[in-house]
Amino acid sequence: MRQAHEDLGPKAIAREDVRQYLPRMKNRMAGGNGRARSHDITLVGATGFTGALIAEHLAIRTTTSHVRLAYAGRSPSRLEALQSRIARRTRSSNTPQLITVDLSDEESVHRLAADTHVVVSAAGPYGRLGSALVAACARHGTHYLDLAGEVPWIRRMMAAHEATALASGACIVHCCGFDSVPSDLGALVLTDEVLAHSGRQPDAIRLVFGRSEGGFSGGTIASLVDVITQARSDPAVRDELHDPDSLVTGATTAVAARRRRPSLGPRFDRHLRRWTMPFFMGPINERIVRRSNALRGFPLGDDPDYREVISFGRGPIAAASAALAAAAGSLFMGLLSFGPTRAVLVATVLPRPGSGPRAAVEARGSFRVDMHAYLRDGKRTRRELTLTISGEREPGYGATAVMIAEGALLMFERAVRGSGPPPGFQTPATALGLSLVARLREAGIGFVVQNREEGERTGL
């Protein structure tokens, strides 16, 4: 691990037996009401499709520990069924407490936030259900992670609660799943590795989405529909969706970055030398990477050349394939944007809330992304390093559950040890950094760097 990140102690934290700290530290970690908190990690939205996967991973990882888990949701009967199902599957001796909570009831939300150290929220769409919970966590100094990909809502939360979170010590981290952990941590790893390898920062980074097995859940579709609906009726939301720096706000903006309207169609990428189309999660991932860059002091410059794409190769057939795929994506978004066709899709084709891909439930599937870092060499650029991130889990839900659960455990361990995380609205890279990379590698998600001269290396 690079010298610049030794203060994060990723391997020490990942392997440290946190149980030795808990007996003497828990009484010192008090809630907003001045009393000791009853729960260490509370999972909100535990009975949803993604929430149940997160709950199972947390149960497995805390089977023999003293970490006090709680599952929270609207239905007591569904919470009890989830608890019984997970107990049978994991044989865990750590029985989570069950909390019935109505996210529209601010009083009950504040009680929940004040009584736990870390909140993990899988209760979306966040624009409808998540605002009171973020406000409560910011007020009570409760660390918070979610899976939100709703840019307008994230921006509103930052504007409304940044000062409160900084004052209370709460660390608020959005986008802690497949969007945007691989992108954000990958950019962090590549930036540091290129600096160590070449003495320079990368001039451009490209993430190429590769093979995967998975699908959409009903919750993801509901969040997407909410954002599209807002954009149709609110010009300000449309402007935010077109602004790559819409999450680089307030104190994080040290330099006014140039605004660049994103390209939605096929293009020949001069770095990859391939025909490409934008990766559909690129718009949120790119914003998180740019926010991390700003929070870290702009190591990639004030206007990072970072893009996420799907590659189609070279030549006219590749160009036609990229154009056809981009057109299909635009058609799908258009159908979702128009009320009558959206209603037909929701009723007949798209998954309903609470449902998702079978591969995620069965702990199978796979994913791979390759991130390439480039350096300028005169008028040309050369590829310096490639980082491959891969796993044998369905990415959108199976791997996502692992990512956010490991992030929550790391955040709690750091809080117990008194070493962070930093307060305010952070990103996966700035809140958890290389320590989370180490944990994810131990959980089966690979981060492998290679270059043309040395070949594959695994020493992250």
Protein backbone atom coordinates (compact mmCIF):
# COMPACT_ATOMS: atom_id res chain seq x y z
CA MET A 1 0.00 0.00 0.00
CA ARG A 2 1.31 3.44 -0.88
CA GLN A 3 2.92 5.62 1.75
CA ALA A 4 0.36 8.37 1.24
CA HIS A 5 -2.38 6.11 2.53
CA GLU A 6 -0.69 4.43 5.46
CA ASP A 7 -2.84 6.54 7.79
CA LEU A 8 -5.87 4.60 6.51
CA GLY A 9 -4.34 1.31 7.61
CA PRO A 10 -6.51 -0.80 5.27
CA LYS A 11 -5.07 -4.20 6.07
CA ALA A 12 -4.87 -3.47 9.78
CA ILE A 13 -8.49 -2.36 9.88
CA ALA A 14 -9.69 -5.18 7.65
CA ARG A 15 -8.05 -7.84 9.83
CA GLU A 16 -8.33 -6.19 13.24
CA ASP A 17 -10.58 -8.04 15.66
CA VAL A 18 -12.89 -5.17 16.50
CA ARG A 19 -14.41 -7.14 19.35
CA GLN A 20 -11.52 -6.27 21.63
CA TYR A 21 -12.43 -2.58 21.33
CA LEU A 22 -16.17 -2.84 21.83
CA PRO A 23 -16.52 -3.51 25.57
CA ARG A 24 -14.54 -0.44 26.61
CA MET A 25 -15.55 1.88 23.74
CA LYS A 26 -19.30 1.50 23.34
CA ASN A 27 -20.16 3.42 26.49
CA ARG A 28 -18.18 6.37 25.15
CA MET A 29 -20.15 6.49 21.88
CA ALA A 30 -23.31 8.29 22.89
CA GLY A 31 -26.29 9.37 20.83
CA GLY A 32 -27.71 12.81 20.26
CA ASN A 33 -29.65 12.49 23.50
CA GLY A 34 -26.47 11.92 25.53
CA ARG A 35 -27.07 8.23 26.27
CA ALA A 36 -25.33 5.18 24.90
CA ARG A 37 -26.76 3.94 21.63
CA SER A 38 -28.52 0.59 21.51
CA HIS A 39 -27.46 -0.46 18.00
CA ASP A 40 -24.19 -0.43 16.12
CA ILE A 41 -25.50 -0.86 12.56
CA THR A 42 -29.16 -0.44 11.60
CA LEU A 43 -30.30 -1.52 8.15
CA VAL A 44 -33.34 0.47 6.97
CA GLY A 45 -35.41 -1.09 4.21
CA ALA A 46 -34.25 -4.55 5.23
CA THR A 47 -37.26 -6.39 3.80
CA GLY A 48 -36.86 -5.04 0.25
CA PHE A 49 -35.10 -7.00 -2.49
CA THR A 50 -31.68 -5.38 -2.03
CA GLY A 51 -32.17 -4.90 1.71
CA ALA A 52 -32.57 -8.63 2.29
CA LEU A 53 -29.29 -9.32 0.47
CA ILE A 54 -27.51 -6.72 2.61
CA ALA A 55 -29.07 -8.16 5.76
CA GLU A 56 -27.79 -11.64 4.91
CA HIS A 57 -24.24 -10.44 4.26
CA LEU A 58 -24.20 -8.45 7.51
CA ALA A 59 -25.45 -11.52 9.38
CA ILE A 60 -22.72 -13.71 7.89
CA ARG A 61 -19.98 -11.18 8.66
CA THR A 62 -21.07 -10.66 12.27
CA THR A 63 -21.92 -14.26 13.18
CA THR A 64 -19.42 -14.48 16.04
CA SER A 65 -18.87 -10.79 16.78
CA HIS A 66 -20.35 -8.37 19.27
CA VAL A 67 -21.62 -5.99 16.59
CA ARG A 68 -25.23 -5.19 17.45
CA LEU A 69 -27.34 -5.33 14.29
CA ALA A 70 -30.87 -4.06 13.79
CA TYR A 71 -33.24 -4.51 10.85
CA ALA A 72 -35.76 -1.72 10.27
CA GLY A 73 -38.84 -1.64 8.05
CA ARG A 74 -42.54 -0.85 7.87
CA SER A 75 -43.95 -4.34 8.42
CA PRO A 76 -43.29 -6.24 11.68
CA SER A 77 -44.40 -9.52 10.10
CA ARG A 78 -42.03 -9.13 7.14
CA LEU A 79 -39.17 -8.23 9.47
CA GLU A 80 -39.81 -11.36 11.54
CA ALA A 81 -39.95 -13.50 8.40
CA LEU A 82 -36.66 -12.02 7.21
CA GLN A 83 -35.01 -12.63 10.57
CA SER A 84 -36.13 -16.28 10.57
CA ARG A 85 -35.06 -16.86 6.98
CA ILE A 86 -31.60 -15.41 7.52
CA ALA A 87 -31.13 -17.33 10.78
CA ARG A 88 -31.84 -20.57 8.92
CA ARG A 89 -29.51 -19.72 6.03
CA THR A 90 -26.59 -18.37 8.06
CA ARG A 91 -26.94 -20.20 11.40
CA SER A 92 -25.78 -16.97 13.00
CA SER A 93 -25.82 -16.66 16.78
CA ASN A 94 -26.05 -12.87 16.46
CA THR A 95 -29.80 -12.12 16.47
CA PRO A 96 -30.58 -8.66 15.10
CA GLN A 97 -33.16 -6.49 16.81
CA LEU A 98 -36.24 -5.57 14.77
CA ILE A 99 -37.42 -1.96 14.48
CA THR A 100 -40.71 -0.89 12.94
CA VAL A 101 -40.26 2.53 11.37
CA ASP A 102 -42.34 4.81 9.16
CA LEU A 103 -39.94 6.97 7.14
CA SER A 104 -42.63 9.64 6.79
CA ASP A 105 -42.84 9.97 10.60
CA GLU A 106 -40.01 12.31 11.56
CA GLU A 107 -40.25 11.51 15.27
CA SER A 108 -39.71 7.78 14.76
CA VAL A 109 -36.93 8.45 12.25
CA HIS A 110 -35.11 10.69 14.73
CA ARG A 111 -35.43 8.03 17.45
CA LEU A 112 -33.89 5.47 15.13
CA ALA A 113 -30.99 7.73 14.09
CA ALA A 114 -30.22 8.78 17.66
CA ASP A 115 -30.05 5.17 18.83
CA THR A 116 -27.56 3.74 16.32
CA HIS A 117 -23.98 4.45 15.27
CA VAL A 118 -24.28 3.62 11.55
CA VAL A 119 -27.40 3.61 9.36
CA VAL A 120 -27.48 1.69 6.08
CA SER A 121 -30.46 2.66 3.92
CA ALA A 122 -31.81 0.43 1.17
CA ALA A 123 -35.21 2.17 1.25
CA GLY A 124 -35.79 3.84 -2.10
CA PRO A 125 -36.76 5.69 -4.12
CA TYR A 126 -34.73 8.00 -1.94
CA GLY A 127 -36.35 11.15 -3.28
CA ARG A 128 -39.63 9.91 -1.83
CA LEU A 129 -38.47 8.03 1.27
CA GLY A 130 -34.98 9.13 2.25
CA SER A 131 -34.96 12.83 3.14
CA ALA A 132 -36.06 12.64 6.77
CA LEU A 133 -33.56 9.86 7.49
CA VAL A 134 -30.61 11.84 6.08
CA ALA A 135 -31.69 14.90 8.05
CA ALA A 136 -31.93 12.87 11.27
CA CYS A 137 -28.52 11.24 10.80
CA ALA A 138 -26.90 14.61 10.09
CA ARG A 139 -28.47 16.06 13.24
CA HIS A 140 -27.56 13.20 15.59
CA GLY A 141 -24.01 12.56 14.38
CA THR A 142 -24.99 9.18 12.95
CA HIS A 143 -22.92 7.84 10.08
CA TYR A 144 -25.00 6.98 7.01
CA LEU A 145 -24.60 5.00 3.77
CA ASP A 146 -27.09 4.40 0.97
CA LEU A 147 -27.45 3.19 -2.63
CA ALA A 148 -28.95 6.36 -4.06
CA GLY A 149 -28.33 7.19 -7.70
CA GLU A 150 -30.77 10.11 -7.80
CA VAL A 151 -28.58 13.13 -8.56
CA PRO A 152 -31.18 15.88 -7.90
CA TRP A 153 -32.04 14.39 -4.51
CA ILE A 154 -28.38 13.95 -3.50
CA ARG A 155 -27.72 17.56 -4.40
CA ARG A 156 -30.68 18.72 -2.29
CA MET A 157 -29.48 16.71 0.70
CA MET A 158 -25.98 18.17 0.44
CA ALA A 159 -27.30 21.72 0.23
CA ALA A 160 -29.69 21.26 3.16
CA HIS A 161 -27.58 19.23 5.62
CA GLU A 162 -23.85 19.66 4.91
CA ALA A 163 -23.32 22.23 7.67
CA THR A 164 -25.29 20.15 10.18
CA ALA A 165 -23.32 16.99 9.39
CA LEU A 166 -19.99 18.80 9.70
CA ALA A 167 -21.04 20.18 13.10
CA SER A 168 -22.34 16.85 14.45
CA GLY A 169 -19.55 14.67 13.04
CA ALA A 170 -21.89 12.60 10.86
CA CYS A 171 -20.37 11.08 7.73
CA ILE A 172 -22.97 10.86 4.94
CA VAL A 173 -22.05 8.67 1.95
CA HIS A 174 -24.36 8.15 -1.02
CA CYS A 175 -23.82 5.71 -3.92
CA CYS A 176 -22.22 2.87 -1.94
CA GLY A 177 -23.11 0.01 -4.29
CA PHE A 178 -22.09 -0.98 -7.79
CA ASP A 179 -22.78 2.63 -8.48
CA SER A 180 -20.42 4.09 -7.54
CA VAL A 181 -17.91 2.01 -5.52
CA PRO A 182 -15.93 0.39 -8.38
CA SER A 183 -15.73 3.70 -10.26
CA ASP A 184 -14.77 5.82 -7.28
CA LEU A 185 -12.33 3.40 -5.66
CA GLY A 186 -10.94 2.46 -9.06
CA ALA A 187 -10.15 6.08 -9.91
CA LEU A 188 -8.48 6.45 -6.49
CA VAL A 189 -6.35 3.33 -7.00
CA LEU A 190 -5.34 4.25 -10.55
CA THR A 191 -4.45 7.82 -9.62
CA ASP A 192 -2.15 6.67 -6.83
CA GLU A 193 -0.66 3.78 -8.81
CA VAL A 194 0.13 5.95 -11.84
CA LEU A 195 1.76 8.53 -9.56
CA ALA A 196 3.91 5.81 -7.97
CA HIS A 197 4.69 4.22 -11.34
CA SER A 198 5.40 7.35 -13.41
CA GLY A 199 5.67 10.26 -11.00
CA ARG A 200 2.64 11.91 -12.66
CA GLN A 201 -1.11 11.94 -12.32
CA PRO A 202 -3.13 10.35 -15.15
CA ASP A 203 -4.31 12.73 -17.85
CA ALA A 204 -7.35 10.60 -18.72
CA ILE A 205 -9.19 7.58 -17.31
CA ARG A 206 -11.66 5.35 -19.15
CA LEU A 207 -13.87 2.76 -17.47
CA VAL A 208 -15.03 0.06 -19.88
CA PHE A 209 -17.97 -2.00 -18.70
CA GLY A 210 -17.39 -5.65 -19.63
CA ARG A 211 -19.22 -8.93 -19.20
CA SER A 212 -21.89 -9.19 -16.52
CA GLU A 213 -24.79 -11.37 -15.50
CA GLY A 214 -27.69 -9.71 -13.74
CA GLY A 215 -30.65 -7.41 -14.23
CA PHE A 216 -32.78 -4.64 -12.76
CA SER A 217 -34.86 -4.61 -9.61
CA GLY A 218 -38.21 -2.90 -9.24
CA GLY A 219 -36.67 -0.38 -6.86
CA THR A 220 -34.09 0.72 -9.42
CA ILE A 221 -36.77 1.23 -12.04
CA ALA A 222 -38.89 3.23 -9.58
CA SER A 223 -35.94 5.53 -8.82
CA LEU A 224 -35.23 6.01 -12.52
CA VAL A 225 -38.86 6.86 -13.23
CA ASP A 226 -38.88 9.43 -10.40
CA VAL A 227 -35.82 11.23 -11.80
CA ILE A 228 -37.25 11.24 -15.34
CA THR A 229 -40.57 12.62 -14.07
CA GLN A 230 -38.80 15.42 -12.19
CA ALA A 231 -36.68 16.30 -15.21
CA ARG A 232 -39.74 16.61 -17.46
CA SER A 233 -41.41 19.13 -15.15
CA ASP A 234 -38.45 21.06 -13.70
CA PRO A 235 -35.87 22.86 -15.90
CA ALA A 236 -33.49 23.15 -12.92
CA VAL A 237 -33.42 19.36 -12.59
CA ARG A 238 -32.67 19.04 -16.31
CA ASP A 239 -29.77 21.46 -15.90
CA GLU A 240 -28.40 19.41 -13.00
CA LEU A 241 -28.59 16.22 -15.04
CA HIS A 242 -26.61 17.93 -17.85
CA ASP A 243 -23.96 19.36 -15.49
CA PRO A 244 -21.11 16.89 -14.80
CA ASP A 245 -20.15 18.94 -11.72
CA SER A 246 -23.63 19.12 -10.21
CA LEU A 247 -22.34 17.35 -7.07
CA VAL A 248 -19.24 19.55 -6.77
CA THR A 249 -20.79 22.27 -4.66
CA GLY A 250 -20.10 24.70 -1.87
CA ALA A 251 -16.79 24.34 -0.05
CA THR A 252 -15.65 21.52 -2.34
CA THR A 253 -15.35 23.83 -5.36
CA ALA A 254 -11.79 25.15 -5.17
CA VAL A 255 -11.65 25.85 -8.91
CA ALA A 256 -14.60 26.57 -11.21
CA ALA A 257 -14.62 23.49 -13.44
CA ARG A 258 -15.73 23.85 -17.03
CA ARG A 259 -19.26 22.64 -17.72
CA ARG A 260 -19.42 20.01 -20.44
CA ARG A 261 -22.72 18.69 -21.72
CA PRO A 262 -22.42 14.88 -21.72
CA SER A 263 -22.47 12.98 -25.00
CA LEU A 264 -25.36 10.52 -25.19
CA GLY A 265 -24.62 8.98 -28.58
CA PRO A 266 -21.93 6.76 -30.09
CA ARG A 267 -18.43 8.13 -30.43
CA PHE A 268 -14.95 7.01 -31.41
CA ASP A 269 -12.88 7.33 -28.26
CA ARG A 270 -9.41 8.61 -29.12
CA HIS A 271 -7.83 6.99 -26.06
CA LEU A 272 -9.39 3.56 -26.36
CA ARG A 273 -9.31 3.77 -30.17
CA ARG A 274 -12.66 2.02 -30.17
CA TRP A 275 -16.24 2.90 -30.99
CA THR A 276 -18.15 3.39 -27.76
CA MET A 277 -21.45 4.44 -26.25
CA PRO A 278 -21.95 5.81 -22.73
CA PHE A 279 -22.38 3.26 -19.93
CA PHE A 280 -25.90 3.77 -18.57
CA MET A 281 -24.68 4.29 -14.97
CA GLY A 282 -21.93 6.64 -16.12
CA PRO A 283 -23.85 9.86 -15.38
CA ILE A 284 -23.97 9.17 -11.64
CA ASN A 285 -20.59 7.44 -11.37
CA GLU A 286 -18.77 10.25 -13.20
CA ARG A 287 -20.27 12.83 -10.84
CA ILE A 288 -19.11 10.90 -7.78
CA VAL A 289 -15.58 10.58 -9.20
CA ARG A 290 -15.53 14.32 -9.89
CA ARG A 291 -16.74 15.08 -6.36
CA SER A 292 -14.01 12.85 -4.90
CA ASN A 293 -11.47 14.66 -7.07
CA ALA A 294 -12.67 18.01 -5.67
CA LEU A 295 -12.66 16.79 -2.05
CA ARG A 296 -9.11 15.48 -2.51
CA GLY A 297 -7.81 18.81 -3.81
CA PHE A 298 -8.19 18.22 -7.57
CA PRO A 299 -5.37 15.69 -8.18
CA LEU A 300 -6.90 15.04 -11.64
CA GLY A 301 -7.27 18.72 -12.42
CA ASP A 302 -10.35 20.93 -12.29
CA ASP A 303 -12.00 19.20 -15.28
CA PRO A 304 -11.06 15.48 -15.13
CA ASP A 305 -11.10 13.56 -18.41
CA TYR A 306 -12.99 10.61 -16.94
CA ARG A 307 -15.62 8.67 -18.88
CA GLU A 308 -17.49 5.37 -18.56
CA VAL A 309 -18.35 3.52 -21.74
CA ILE A 310 -19.32 0.28 -23.41
CA SER A 311 -16.83 -0.62 -26.13
CA PHE A 312 -17.74 -2.06 -29.54
CA GLY A 313 -14.35 -2.35 -31.24
CA ARG A 314 -13.12 -0.78 -34.47
CA GLY A 315 -14.41 -0.49 -38.00
CA PRO A 316 -17.79 0.18 -39.62
CA ILE A 317 -19.56 -2.79 -38.02
CA ALA A 318 -18.50 -1.61 -34.57
CA ALA A 319 -19.65 1.92 -35.39
CA ALA A 320 -23.04 0.63 -36.52
CA SER A 321 -23.37 -1.56 -33.42
CA ALA A 322 -22.59 1.37 -31.13
CA ALA A 323 -25.13 3.56 -32.94
CA LEU A 324 -27.82 0.87 -32.75
CA ALA A 325 -27.22 0.25 -29.03
CA ALA A 326 -27.28 3.98 -28.28
CA ALA A 327 -30.51 4.37 -30.24
CA ALA A 328 -32.10 1.49 -28.31
CA GLY A 329 -31.11 3.11 -25.03
CA SER A 330 -32.54 6.46 -26.13
CA LEU A 331 -35.77 4.77 -27.20
CA PHE A 332 -36.11 3.07 -23.81
CA MET A 333 -35.58 6.36 -21.98
CA GLY A 334 -38.08 8.04 -24.28
CA LEU A 335 -40.71 5.40 -23.56
CA LEU A 336 -40.12 5.84 -19.83
CA SER A 337 -40.44 9.61 -20.18
CA PHE A 338 -43.89 9.46 -21.80
CA GLY A 339 -46.66 8.74 -19.31
CA PRO A 340 -48.83 6.28 -21.30
CA THR A 341 -45.92 4.17 -22.57
CA ARG A 342 -44.31 4.24 -19.13
CA ALA A 343 -47.51 2.86 -17.62
CA VAL A 344 -47.57 0.03 -20.17
CA LEU A 345 -43.91 -0.86 -19.49
CA VAL A 346 -44.41 -0.83 -15.72
CA ALA A 347 -47.53 -2.99 -16.00
CA THR A 348 -46.20 -5.54 -18.48
CA VAL A 349 -42.40 -5.67 -18.73
CA LEU A 350 -40.51 -3.94 -15.95
CA PRO A 351 -39.93 -5.60 -12.55
CA ARG A 352 -42.18 -4.54 -9.71
CA PRO A 353 -40.89 -3.09 -6.41
CA GLY A 354 -39.56 -5.86 -4.18
CA SER A 355 -38.45 -8.05 -7.08
CA GLY A 356 -35.11 -8.45 -8.83
CA PRO A 357 -32.79 -10.80 -10.71
CA ARG A 358 -32.70 -14.41 -9.56
CA ALA A 359 -28.89 -14.48 -9.92
CA ALA A 360 -28.59 -12.05 -7.01
CA VAL A 361 -30.74 -14.19 -4.69
CA GLU A 362 -28.80 -17.34 -5.62
CA ALA A 363 -25.42 -15.64 -5.02
CA ARG A 364 -24.24 -16.23 -8.57
CA GLY A 365 -23.57 -14.08 -11.62
CA SER A 366 -20.45 -12.12 -12.47
CA PHE A 367 -19.12 -8.75 -13.54
CA ARG A 368 -15.96 -7.16 -14.87
CA VAL A 369 -14.90 -3.58 -15.54
CA ASP A 370 -11.54 -2.43 -16.90
CA MET A 371 -10.24 1.03 -16.03
CA HIS A 372 -7.44 2.41 -18.20
CA ALA A 373 -5.20 5.31 -17.17
CA TYR A 374 -3.51 7.39 -19.88
CA LEU A 375 -0.59 9.82 -19.88
CA ARG A 376 0.13 12.44 -22.51
CA ASP A 377 3.33 11.88 -24.46
CA GLY A 378 3.75 14.95 -26.63
CA LYS A 379 0.72 15.19 -28.89
CA ARG A 380 -0.22 11.55 -28.31
CA THR A 381 -1.38 9.64 -25.26
CA ARG A 382 -0.23 6.24 -24.09
CA ARG A 383 -1.96 3.76 -21.84
CA GLU A 384 -0.02 3.58 -18.60
CA LEU A 385 -1.91 1.17 -16.33
CA THR A 386 -5.08 -0.93 -16.37
CA LEU A 387 -7.12 -1.82 -13.30
CA THR A 388 -9.52 -4.75 -13.59
CA ILE A 389 -12.33 -4.96 -11.03
CA SER A 390 -14.29 -8.21 -11.10
CA GLY A 391 -16.34 -10.57 -9.00
CA GLU A 392 -18.40 -13.73 -9.18
CA ARG A 393 -21.59 -12.04 -8.00
CA GLU A 394 -24.41 -10.36 -9.90
CA PRO A 395 -23.25 -6.70 -9.86
CA GLY A 396 -26.32 -4.55 -9.31
CA TYR A 397 -27.58 -6.35 -6.20
CA GLY A 398 -25.36 -9.27 -5.12
CA ALA A 399 -22.07 -7.39 -5.35
CA THR A 400 -23.82 -4.19 -4.26
CA ALA A 401 -24.91 -5.85 -1.02
CA VAL A 402 -21.32 -6.87 -0.30
CA MET A 403 -19.99 -3.38 -1.06
CA ILE A 404 -22.34 -1.41 1.16
CA ALA A 405 -22.27 -3.98 4.00
CA GLU A 406 -18.46 -3.99 4.07
CA GLY A 407 -18.51 -0.19 3.94
CA ALA A 408 -20.82 -0.04 6.95
CA LEU A 409 -18.71 -2.48 8.96
CA LEU A 410 -15.55 -0.52 8.15
CA MET A 411 -17.23 2.76 9.05
CA PHE A 412 -18.34 1.36 12.41
CA GLU A 413 -14.91 -0.10 13.18
CA ARG A 414 -13.29 3.25 12.46
CA ALA A 415 -15.78 5.03 14.69
CA VAL A 416 -15.08 2.57 17.51
CA ARG A 417 -11.34 3.09 17.15
CA GLY A 418 -11.72 6.87 17.03
CA SER A 419 -10.02 7.16 13.62
CA GLY A 420 -12.82 8.62 11.51
CA PRO A 421 -14.62 8.59 9.17
CA PRO A 422 -14.43 12.26 8.11
CA PRO A 423 -17.60 14.29 8.71
CA GLY A 424 -19.86 15.82 6.10
CA PHE A 425 -21.05 14.55 2.73
CA GLN A 426 -18.26 12.28 1.56
CA THR A 427 -17.85 9.71 -1.22
CA PRO A 428 -16.81 6.05 -1.02
CA ALA A 429 -13.25 7.08 -1.93
CA THR A 430 -12.94 9.94 0.58
CA ALA A 431 -14.81 8.24 3.44
CA LEU A 432 -13.52 4.66 3.13
CA GLY A 433 -10.75 4.70 0.54
CA LEU A 434 -8.15 1.98 0.15
CA SER A 435 -9.30 0.31 3.36
CA LEU A 436 -12.53 -0.66 1.61
CA VAL A 437 -10.52 -1.94 -1.37
CA ALA A 438 -8.72 -4.32 1.00
CA ARG A 439 -11.98 -5.53 2.53
CA LEU A 440 -13.62 -6.08 -0.85
CA ARG A 441 -10.65 -8.12 -2.06
CA GLU A 442 -11.02 -10.34 0.99
CA ALA A 443 -14.73 -10.65 0.17
CA GLY A 444 -13.99 -11.89 -3.36
CA ILE A 445 -14.09 -8.69 -5.41
CA GLY A 446 -10.80 -8.38 -7.24
CA PHE A 447 -8.78 -5.21 -7.85
CA VAL A 448 -5.85 -6.12 -10.11
CA VAL A 449 -3.45 -3.59 -11.67
CA GLN A 450 -1.31 -4.37 -14.69
CA ASN A 451 0.85 -2.56 -17.24
CA ARG A 452 2.32 -3.57 -20.55
CA GLU A 453 5.88 -3.91 -19.26
CA GLU A 454 5.39 -5.70 -15.95
CA GLY A 455 2.19 -7.68 -16.60
CA GLU A 456 -0.29 -8.46 -13.83
CA ARG A 457 0.23 -7.31 -10.26
CA THR A 458 -2.01 -7.95 -7.27
CA GLY A 459 -0.33 -5.96 -4.50
CA LEU A 460 -3.15 -3.55 -3.71
